[in-house]
Amino acid sequence: MRHTRSHTKNRRSHHALAKPALGKDAAGNAYMRHRMNPTTGKYKDRQVLDMGAKALKRAKKVSAKTAR
C-alpha cells in the first residue's frame, strides 16, 4: 500500500534524538543521571567505587607498559 509523503514525515518525526538527561554534582560537574559519577565514584550519595585506587591501578599499568 502506498504511503503519502505526509504520512512518511509523520512517522519519521518520532525518530528525532533526545538530549541525554544530565545532573550536576556539588562541584558543578555534569554526569549522566542514574549512573555512577565518573569523577567522584558516587551513586545516590554513596561511595560505589574508590577512584583513588582506580587511578593508582591505571598508573601502575601504564608504567609497566612503558618499562617494556
C-alpha atoms as a PDB file:
ATOM      1  CA  MET A   1       0.000   0.000   0.000  1.00  0.00           C
ATOM      2  CA  ARG A   2       1.310   3.426  -0.907  1.00  0.00           C
ATOM      3  CA  HIS A   3       2.228   5.929   1.822  1.00  0.00           C
ATOM      4  CA  THR A   4       1.924   9.621   1.104  1.00  0.00           C
ATOM      5  CA  ARG A   5       4.793  11.986   1.814  1.00  0.00           C
ATOM      6  CA  SER A   6       2.970  13.482   4.781  1.00  0.00           C
ATOM      7  CA  HIS A   7       2.370  10.056   6.309  1.00  0.00           C
ATOM      8  CA  THR A   8       6.068   9.208   5.963  1.00  0.00           C
ATOM      9  CA  LYS A   9       7.094  12.517   7.574  1.00  0.00           C
ATOM     10  CA  ASN A  10       4.668  11.986  10.450  1.00  0.00           C
ATOM     11  CA  ARG A  11       6.230   8.607  11.152  1.00  0.00           C
ATOM     12  CA  ARG A  12       9.770   9.974  10.921  1.00  0.00           C
ATOM     13  CA  SER A  13       9.003  12.864  13.260  1.00  0.00           C
ATOM     14  CA  HIS A  14       9.307  10.409  16.148  1.00  0.00           C
ATOM     15  CA  HIS A  15      12.835   9.358  15.134  1.00  0.00           C
ATOM     16  CA  ALA A  16      14.472  12.512  16.489  1.00  0.00           C
ATOM     17  CA  LEU A  17      17.249  12.048  19.030  1.00  0.00           C
ATOM     18  CA  ALA A  18      16.729  13.398  22.522  1.00  0.00           C
ATOM     19  CA  LYS A  19      19.402  15.112  24.597  1.00  0.00           C
ATOM     20  CA  PRO A  20      20.712  12.985  27.463  1.00  0.00           C
ATOM     21  CA  ALA A  21      19.468  13.901  30.940  1.00  0.00           C
ATOM     22  CA  LEU A  22      22.431  15.337  32.819  1.00  0.00           C
ATOM     23  CA  GLY A  23      22.736  16.065  36.506  1.00  0.00           C
ATOM     24  CA  LYS A  24      25.240  18.215  38.380  1.00  0.00           C
ATOM     25  CA  ASP A  25      27.141  17.218  41.491  1.00  0.00           C
ATOM     26  CA  ALA A  26      28.134  19.546  44.331  1.00  0.00           C
ATOM     27  CA  ALA A  27      31.266  20.666  42.455  1.00  0.00           C
ATOM     28  CA  GLY A  28      29.229  21.554  39.360  1.00  0.00           C
ATOM     29  CA  ASN A  29      30.480  18.667  37.205  1.00  0.00           C
ATOM     30  CA  ALA A  30      27.936  17.210  34.785  1.00  0.00           C
ATOM     31  CA  TYR A  31      27.189  13.476  34.849  1.00  0.00           C
ATOM     32  CA  MET A  32      24.607  11.157  33.310  1.00  0.00           C
ATOM     33  CA  ARG A  33      21.639  10.573  35.592  1.00  0.00           C
ATOM     34  CA  HIS A  34      21.004   7.096  37.058  1.00  0.00           C
ATOM     35  CA  ARG A  35      24.681   6.225  36.632  1.00  0.00           C
ATOM     36  CA  MET A  36      27.761   6.492  38.798  1.00  0.00           C
ATOM     37  CA  ASN A  37      29.500   9.857  38.729  1.00  0.00           C
ATOM     38  CA  PRO A  38      32.789   9.158  36.872  1.00  0.00           C
ATOM     39  CA  THR A  39      34.769  11.855  38.716  1.00  0.00           C
ATOM     40  CA  THR A  40      33.760  11.039  42.300  1.00  0.00           C
ATOM     41  CA  GLY A  41      32.728   7.372  42.075  1.00  0.00           C
ATOM     42  CA  LYS A  42      29.441   8.063  43.887  1.00  0.00           C
ATOM     43  CA  TYR A  43      25.882   6.992  43.110  1.00  0.00           C
ATOM     44  CA  LYS A  44      22.968   8.440  45.094  1.00  0.00           C
ATOM     45  CA  ASP A  45      25.424   9.982  47.593  1.00  0.00           C
ATOM     46  CA  ARG A  46      27.008   6.596  48.329  1.00  0.00           C
ATOM     47  CA  GLN A  47      30.643   5.776  47.523  1.00  0.00           C
ATOM     48  CA  VAL A  48      30.436   2.955  44.978  1.00  0.00           C
ATOM     49  CA  LEU A  49      33.943   2.933  43.546  1.00  0.00           C
ATOM     50  CA  ASP A  50      37.216   4.123  45.056  1.00  0.00           C
ATOM     51  CA  MET A  51      38.532   6.436  42.352  1.00  0.00           C
ATOM     52  CA  GLY A  52      41.923   6.864  44.084  1.00  0.00           C
ATOM     53  CA  ALA A  53      42.602   3.125  43.929  1.00  0.00           C
ATOM     54  CA  LYS A  54      41.447   3.059  40.315  1.00  0.00           C
ATOM     55  CA  ALA A  55      43.854   5.876  39.385  1.00  0.00           C
ATOM     56  CA  LEU A  56      46.761   4.099  41.110  1.00  0.00           C
ATOM     57  CA  LYS A  57      45.978   0.848  39.293  1.00  0.00           C
ATOM     58  CA  ARG A  58      45.871   2.659  35.942  1.00  0.00           C
ATOM     59  CA  ALA A  59      49.167   4.473  36.642  1.00  0.00           C
ATOM     60  CA  LYS A  60      50.829   1.193  37.611  1.00  0.00           C
ATOM     61  CA  LYS A  61      49.579  -0.436  34.406  1.00  0.00           C
ATOM     62  CA  VAL A  62      50.854   2.434  32.229  1.00  0.00           C
ATOM     63  CA  SER A  63      54.266   2.482  33.930  1.00  0.00           C
ATOM     64  CA  ALA A  64      54.620  -1.294  33.457  1.00  0.00           C
ATOM     65  CA  LYS A  65      53.722  -0.935  29.793  1.00  0.00           C
ATOM     66  CA  THR A  66      56.295   1.834  29.170  1.00  0.00           C
ATOM     67  CA  ALA A  67      59.023  -0.089  31.048  1.00  0.00           C
ATOM     68  CA  ARG A  68      58.975  -2.880  28.455  1.00  0.00           C
END
